[in-house]
Amino acid sequence: MKRTTVVWVLRLDAAFNFIVGAICYLFYKPLIAAILFPDTDKPLYANVMGAGIMGLSIVAWLASNRPEASREFIGAIIVT
């Protein structure tokens, strides 16, 4: 696969993951209602999940800068 293709796929993945993570982190009430979890005043699970997904997007963006040197991180991004 060409380097430019890998860079753009990783950056697209990073942008998508950041948007999804921000939605999970900021708008947890509709998310919890959509997946049929009981409503709670303590949004710990949704906040941790959102922060983790946003962290994954940062790793994907940084790996896209030097994909040939970041093979381990790219493998982790693919698995998650």
C-alpha atoms as a PDB file:
ATOM      1  CA  MET A   1       0.000   0.000   0.000  1.00  0.00           C
ATOM      2  CA  LYS A   2       1.298   3.468  -0.818  1.00  0.00           C
ATOM      3  CA  ARG A   3       2.402   5.804   1.953  1.00  0.00           C
ATOM      4  CA  THR A   4      -0.054   8.540   0.965  1.00  0.00           C
ATOM      5  CA  THR A   5      -2.962   6.095   1.114  1.00  0.00           C
ATOM      6  CA  VAL A   6      -1.985   4.959   4.588  1.00  0.00           C
ATOM      7  CA  VAL A   7      -1.617   8.567   5.746  1.00  0.00           C
ATOM      8  CA  TRP A   8      -5.071   9.559   4.515  1.00  0.00           C
ATOM      9  CA  VAL A   9      -6.771   6.444   5.915  1.00  0.00           C
ATOM     10  CA  LEU A  10      -5.192   7.036   9.322  1.00  0.00           C
ATOM     11  CA  ARG A  11      -6.137  10.714   9.313  1.00  0.00           C
ATOM     12  CA  LEU A  12      -9.707   9.933   8.296  1.00  0.00           C
ATOM     13  CA  ASP A  13      -9.866   7.329  11.059  1.00  0.00           C
ATOM     14  CA  ALA A  14      -8.451   9.844  13.545  1.00  0.00           C
ATOM     15  CA  ALA A  15     -11.027  12.484  12.622  1.00  0.00           C
ATOM     16  CA  PHE A  16     -13.898   9.994  12.827  1.00  0.00           C
ATOM     17  CA  ASN A  17     -12.714   8.635  16.174  1.00  0.00           C
ATOM     18  CA  PHE A  18     -12.334  12.136  17.607  1.00  0.00           C
ATOM     19  CA  ILE A  19     -15.871  13.089  16.592  1.00  0.00           C
ATOM     20  CA  VAL A  20     -17.324   9.870  18.017  1.00  0.00           C
ATOM     21  CA  GLY A  21     -15.291  10.273  21.220  1.00  0.00           C
ATOM     22  CA  ALA A  22     -16.454  13.852  21.664  1.00  0.00           C
ATOM     23  CA  ILE A  23     -20.064  12.770  21.200  1.00  0.00           C
ATOM     24  CA  CYS A  24     -19.633  10.017  23.796  1.00  0.00           C
ATOM     25  CA  TYR A  25     -17.894  12.390  26.187  1.00  0.00           C
ATOM     26  CA  LEU A  26     -20.210  15.374  25.868  1.00  0.00           C
ATOM     27  CA  PHE A  27     -23.622  13.950  24.964  1.00  0.00           C
ATOM     28  CA  TYR A  28     -23.809  10.836  27.107  1.00  0.00           C
ATOM     29  CA  LYS A  29     -27.539  11.022  27.980  1.00  0.00           C
ATOM     30  CA  PRO A  30     -28.822  10.294  24.436  1.00  0.00           C
ATOM     31  CA  LEU A  31     -26.087   7.693  23.991  1.00  0.00           C
ATOM     32  CA  ILE A  32     -27.073   5.852  27.157  1.00  0.00           C
ATOM     33  CA  ALA A  33     -30.744   5.972  26.123  1.00  0.00           C
ATOM     34  CA  ALA A  34     -29.915   4.669  22.640  1.00  0.00           C
ATOM     35  CA  ILE A  35     -28.056   1.587  23.915  1.00  0.00           C
ATOM     36  CA  LEU A  36     -30.739   0.958  26.557  1.00  0.00           C
ATOM     37  CA  PHE A  37     -28.529   1.346  29.627  1.00  0.00           C
ATOM     38  CA  PRO A  38     -30.238   2.546  32.808  1.00  0.00           C
ATOM     39  CA  ASP A  39     -30.109   6.302  33.262  1.00  0.00           C
ATOM     40  CA  THR A  40     -27.678   7.558  35.875  1.00  0.00           C
ATOM     41  CA  ASP A  41     -26.398  10.866  37.168  1.00  0.00           C
ATOM     42  CA  LYS A  42     -22.815   9.583  37.107  1.00  0.00           C
ATOM     43  CA  PRO A  43     -21.696   9.278  33.470  1.00  0.00           C
ATOM     44  CA  LEU A  44     -18.428   7.517  34.304  1.00  0.00           C
ATOM     45  CA  TYR A  45     -18.611   4.793  31.643  1.00  0.00           C
ATOM     46  CA  ALA A  46     -19.554   7.157  28.809  1.00  0.00           C
ATOM     47  CA  ASN A  47     -16.908   9.700  29.820  1.00  0.00           C
ATOM     48  CA  VAL A  48     -14.132   7.109  30.077  1.00  0.00           C
ATOM     49  CA  MET A  49     -15.142   5.551  26.768  1.00  0.00           C
ATOM     50  CA  GLY A  50     -15.244   8.968  25.068  1.00  0.00           C
ATOM     51  CA  ALA A  51     -11.857   9.976  26.463  1.00  0.00           C
ATOM     52  CA  GLY A  52     -10.351   6.655  25.380  1.00  0.00           C
ATOM     53  CA  ILE A  53     -11.668   7.016  21.848  1.00  0.00           C
ATOM     54  CA  MET A  54     -10.340  10.585  21.646  1.00  0.00           C
ATOM     55  CA  GLY A  55      -6.956   9.307  22.859  1.00  0.00           C
ATOM     56  CA  LEU A  56      -7.021   6.665  20.150  1.00  0.00           C
ATOM     57  CA  SER A  57      -7.643   9.384  17.577  1.00  0.00           C
ATOM     58  CA  ILE A  58      -4.573  11.285  18.767  1.00  0.00           C
ATOM     59  CA  VAL A  59      -2.459   8.132  18.416  1.00  0.00           C
ATOM     60  CA  ALA A  60      -3.817   7.566  14.909  1.00  0.00           C
ATOM     61  CA  TRP A  61      -3.058  11.150  13.888  1.00  0.00           C
ATOM     62  CA  LEU A  62       0.490  10.985  15.242  1.00  0.00           C
ATOM     63  CA  ALA A  63       1.063   7.604  13.575  1.00  0.00           C
ATOM     64  CA  SER A  64      -0.051   9.068  10.262  1.00  0.00           C
ATOM     65  CA  ASN A  65       2.863  11.505  10.319  1.00  0.00           C
ATOM     66  CA  ARG A  66       5.432   8.679  10.108  1.00  0.00           C
ATOM     67  CA  PRO A  67       3.624   5.431   9.226  1.00  0.00           C
ATOM     68  CA  GLU A  68       6.777   3.493   8.395  1.00  0.00           C
ATOM     69  CA  ALA A  69       8.128   4.068  11.932  1.00  0.00           C
ATOM     70  CA  SER A  70       4.790   3.533  13.703  1.00  0.00           C
ATOM     71  CA  ARG A  71       3.881   0.008  12.640  1.00  0.00           C
ATOM     72  CA  GLU A  72       3.136  -1.163  16.202  1.00  0.00           C
ATOM     73  CA  PHE A  73       0.750   1.713  16.805  1.00  0.00           C
ATOM     74  CA  ILE A  74      -0.961   1.161  13.463  1.00  0.00           C
ATOM     75  CA  GLY A  75      -1.501  -2.486  14.423  1.00  0.00           C
ATOM     76  CA  ALA A  76      -3.084  -1.386  17.720  1.00  0.00           C
ATOM     77  CA  ILE A  77      -5.289   1.116  15.887  1.00  0.00           C
ATOM     78  CA  ILE A  78      -6.481  -1.602  13.514  1.00  0.00           C
ATOM     79  CA  VAL A  79      -7.308  -3.960  16.386  1.00  0.00           C
ATOM     80  CA  THR A  80      -9.240  -1.342  18.348  1.00  0.00           C
END
